[in-house]
Protein backbone atom coordinates (compact mmCIF):
# COMPACT_ATOMS: atom_id res chain seq x y z
CA UNK A 1 0.00 0.00 0.00
CA UNK A 2 2.80 2.45 0.87
CA UNK A 3 4.44 1.83 -2.51
CA UNK A 4 1.11 2.42 -4.25
CA UNK A 5 0.60 5.71 -2.42
CA UNK A 6 4.13 6.92 -3.17
CA UNK A 7 3.79 5.95 -6.83
CA UNK A 8 0.44 7.67 -7.24
CA UNK A 9 1.10 10.79 -5.18
CA UNK A 10 1.54 14.01 -7.11
CA UNK A 11 2.64 17.48 -5.94
CA UNK A 12 -0.99 18.60 -6.30
CA UNK A 13 -2.00 16.22 -3.52
CA UNK A 14 0.60 17.15 -0.91
CA UNK A 15 0.78 20.96 -0.85
CA UNK A 16 -0.33 22.72 2.33
CA UNK A 17 -2.31 25.92 2.03
CA UNK A 18 -0.46 29.18 2.57
CA UNK A 19 -2.63 32.26 2.92
CA UNK A 20 -0.84 34.49 0.42
CA UNK A 21 -0.77 31.71 -2.20
CA UNK A 22 -4.43 30.76 -1.96
CA UNK A 23 -7.54 32.06 -3.71
CA UNK A 24 -11.16 31.23 -2.96
CA UNK A 25 -13.00 31.16 -6.30
CA UNK A 26 -16.79 31.29 -6.21
CA UNK A 27 -18.20 30.06 -9.50
CA UNK A 28 -21.55 31.28 -10.83
CA UNK A 29 -23.66 31.36 -7.66
CA UNK A 30 -26.27 33.48 -9.42
CA UNK A 31 -29.98 34.09 -8.90
CA UNK A 32 -31.37 32.12 -11.83
CA UNK A 33 -28.86 29.28 -11.57
CA UNK A 34 -28.91 28.48 -7.87
CA UNK A 35 -32.66 28.03 -7.49
CA UNK A 36 -32.68 24.68 -9.36
CA UNK A 37 -29.57 23.21 -7.73
CA UNK A 38 -30.09 20.16 -5.53
CA UNK A 39 -29.31 21.05 -1.91
CA UNK A 40 -28.80 24.69 -2.82
CA UNK A 41 -29.40 26.12 0.67
CA UNK A 42 -26.65 23.96 2.21
CA UNK A 43 -24.26 24.79 -0.63
CA UNK A 44 -24.80 28.54 -0.17
CA UNK A 45 -24.45 28.12 3.61
CA UNK A 46 -21.06 26.41 3.21
CA UNK A 47 -19.81 28.91 0.64
CA UNK A 48 -20.69 31.70 3.07
CA UNK A 49 -18.63 29.97 5.78
CA UNK A 50 -15.66 29.84 3.42
CA UNK A 51 -16.11 33.52 2.52
CA UNK A 52 -16.32 34.57 6.17
CA UNK A 53 -13.19 32.60 7.01
CA UNK A 54 -11.21 34.01 4.11
CA UNK A 55 -12.23 37.54 5.05
CA UNK A 56 -11.03 36.94 8.61
CA UNK A 57 -7.71 35.48 7.49
CA UNK A 58 -7.07 37.98 4.67
CA UNK A 59 -7.28 35.35 1.94
CA UNK A 60 -8.28 36.70 -1.45
CA UNK A 61 -11.70 35.94 -2.93
CA UNK A 62 -12.83 36.19 -6.55
CA UNK A 63 -16.18 35.63 -8.24
CA UNK A 64 -17.24 34.51 -11.69
CA UNK A 65 -20.62 35.10 -13.29
CA UNK A 66 -21.97 33.24 -16.30
CA UNK A 67 -23.80 35.58 -18.68
CA UNK A 68 -25.07 37.80 -15.82
CA UNK A 69 -27.38 39.82 -18.07
CA UNK A 70 -29.57 36.73 -18.50
CA UNK A 71 -28.76 34.70 -15.39
CA UNK A 72 -28.58 37.43 -12.77
CA UNK A 73 -25.90 38.52 -10.37
CA UNK A 74 -24.14 36.66 -7.55
CA UNK A 75 -26.41 36.21 -4.52
CA UNK A 76 -26.42 39.31 -2.31
CA UNK A 77 -26.49 37.09 0.79
CA UNK A 78 -22.96 35.94 -0.10
CA UNK A 79 -21.55 39.35 -0.90
CA UNK A 80 -22.97 41.40 1.99
CA UNK A 81 -21.78 44.61 0.29
CA UNK A 82 -18.18 43.37 0.06
CA UNK A 83 -16.31 44.17 -3.14
CA UNK A 84 -14.57 41.19 -4.70
CA UNK A 85 -12.92 40.94 -8.12
CA UNK A 86 -15.64 39.78 -10.51
CA UNK A 87 -15.12 38.09 -13.86
CA UNK A 88 -18.00 37.81 -16.31
CA UNK A 89 -17.91 35.05 -18.88
CA UNK A 90 -19.80 33.32 -21.64
CA UNK A 91 -17.46 30.32 -21.81
CA UNK A 92 -18.02 27.61 -19.22
CA UNK A 93 -14.36 27.59 -18.14
CA UNK A 94 -12.96 30.63 -16.34
CA UNK A 95 -9.59 29.93 -17.96
CA UNK A 96 -10.88 31.47 -21.19
CA UNK A 97 -11.17 34.83 -19.42
CA UNK A 98 -7.87 36.66 -19.94
CA UNK A 99 -8.55 39.08 -17.09
CA UNK A 100 -8.99 36.16 -14.71
CA UNK A 101 -5.77 34.47 -15.84
CA UNK A 102 -3.92 37.79 -15.49
CA UNK A 103 -5.35 38.13 -11.97
CA UNK A 104 -4.02 34.70 -11.01
CA UNK A 105 -0.61 35.56 -12.44
CA UNK A 106 -0.52 38.96 -10.72
CA UNK A 107 -0.84 37.42 -7.25
CA UNK A 108 1.03 34.22 -8.10
CA UNK A 109 -1.65 31.97 -6.64
CA UNK A 110 -0.66 28.33 -6.30
CA UNK A 111 -3.80 27.00 -4.60
CA UNK A 112 -7.35 27.67 -5.72
CA UNK A 113 -10.32 26.54 -3.65
CA UNK A 114 -13.19 26.22 -6.12
CA UNK A 115 -16.79 26.20 -4.99
CA UNK A 116 -20.08 26.96 -6.69
CA UNK A 117 -22.15 25.61 -9.55
CA UNK A 118 -22.65 23.67 -11.64
CA UNK A 119 -20.25 20.91 -10.67
CA UNK A 120 -20.37 19.10 -14.00
CA UNK A 121 -20.06 22.17 -16.20
CA UNK A 122 -18.32 25.37 -15.07
CA UNK A 123 -16.69 23.98 -11.92
CA UNK A 124 -15.41 20.93 -13.79
CA UNK A 125 -14.12 22.70 -16.88
CA UNK A 126 -12.51 25.50 -14.89
CA UNK A 127 -10.80 23.05 -12.54
CA UNK A 128 -9.41 20.84 -15.30
CA UNK A 129 -8.06 23.81 -17.23
CA UNK A 130 -6.40 25.27 -14.12
CA UNK A 131 -4.95 21.87 -13.20
CA UNK A 132 -3.39 21.76 -16.65
CA UNK A 133 -1.76 25.11 -15.88
CA UNK A 134 -0.08 23.53 -12.85
CA UNK A 135 -2.31 25.00 -10.14
CA UNK A 136 -3.34 23.09 -7.04
CA UNK A 137 -7.15 22.81 -7.11
CA UNK A 138 -9.13 22.01 -3.96
CA UNK A 139 -12.80 21.07 -4.11
CA UNK A 140 -14.99 21.29 -1.00
CA UNK A 141 -17.45 18.48 -1.67
CA UNK A 142 -20.21 20.17 0.32
CA UNK A 143 -19.88 23.54 -1.44
CA UNK A 144 -20.46 22.50 -5.07
CA UNK A 145 -23.62 21.30 -6.74
CA UNK A 146 -25.64 20.51 -9.85
CA UNK A 147 -29.30 20.19 -10.72
CA UNK A 148 -29.01 16.41 -10.85
CA UNK A 149 -27.27 14.25 -8.26
CA UNK A 150 -25.70 11.95 -10.85
CA UNK A 151 -24.09 14.91 -12.60
CA UNK A 152 -22.72 16.22 -9.32
CA UNK A 153 -21.36 12.86 -8.19
CA UNK A 154 -19.82 12.02 -11.56
CA UNK A 155 -18.21 15.46 -11.82
CA UNK A 156 -16.68 15.13 -8.36
CA UNK A 157 -15.23 11.73 -9.28
CA UNK A 158 -13.77 13.07 -12.50
CA UNK A 159 -12.30 16.07 -10.68
CA UNK A 160 -10.47 13.84 -8.22
CA UNK A 161 -9.27 11.47 -10.94
CA UNK A 162 -7.99 14.53 -12.83
CA UNK A 163 -5.83 15.60 -9.88
CA UNK A 164 -8.02 17.95 -7.85
CA UNK A 165 -7.87 17.54 -4.08
CA UNK A 166 -11.06 16.38 -2.38
CA UNK A 167 -12.00 18.23 0.78
CA UNK A 168 -14.88 19.68 2.78
CA UNK A 169 -15.76 23.15 3.98
CA UNK A 170 -14.78 22.48 7.59
CA UNK A 171 -11.53 20.76 6.67
CA UNK A 172 -10.44 23.67 4.48
CA UNK A 173 -11.38 26.24 7.14
CA UNK A 174 -9.20 24.44 9.70
CA UNK A 175 -6.33 24.04 7.24
CA UNK A 176 -6.42 27.74 6.41
CA UNK A 177 -6.51 28.65 10.12
CA UNK A 178 -3.74 26.14 10.99
CA UNK A 179 -3.67 26.73 14.77
CA UNK A 180 -5.95 27.55 17.69
CA UNK A 181 -3.27 29.94 18.98
CA UNK A 182 -3.88 32.64 16.41
CA UNK A 183 -5.92 35.68 17.33
CA UNK A 184 -8.59 34.97 14.70
CA UNK A 185 -9.35 31.48 15.97
CA UNK A 186 -12.18 32.56 18.28
CA UNK A 187 -14.07 34.00 15.33
CA UNK A 188 -13.13 31.06 13.11
CA UNK A 189 -14.44 28.75 15.81
CA UNK A 190 -17.78 30.56 15.73
CA UNK A 191 -17.97 30.01 11.99
CA UNK A 192 -17.26 26.31 12.45
CA UNK A 193 -19.92 25.97 15.14
CA UNK A 194 -22.56 27.69 13.05
CA UNK A 195 -24.81 24.80 12.03
CA UNK A 196 -27.11 24.56 9.05
CA UNK A 197 -30.84 24.76 9.62
CA UNK A 198 -33.12 24.27 6.64
């Protein structure tokens, strides 16, 4: 088993998250898209926890919007009047947006936490393209979604087989925080303890 793990381990699977090298990317959580997503309330709840944590820890956040003129803007409940870099697109993959790629290069991000919708379309295509560019892609399983469960499950499997790192919202929050000794931990702890109620 140890030999198998060593043989099949890649740099993408062993990098730890450093704050100044990490971006939280929120993909297409828009009015007209989110309403038909299975488990949408829990997905939005978990994305909000990631946003709140990144704001506390000074980790950069960016947003993409698919054809916002027709599909609406990112949910106001996620933004709460915060200004984040926003990248509009018609292509399913964010990697086709030159401004977005320039933004990644400007800050030299190595790790991108990707959440949002839909798992089998924009999340998948963006992740695979960014993996091919050598970036470390982390997918919180409980913060992505699709209209159909089979699409969501199949996309997640393909993402992991393609080299993305499987994770969860709580696991990523704790990895970003790293220690209970830091001054922000009390507030991070409150975020972790905040439980979902339908």
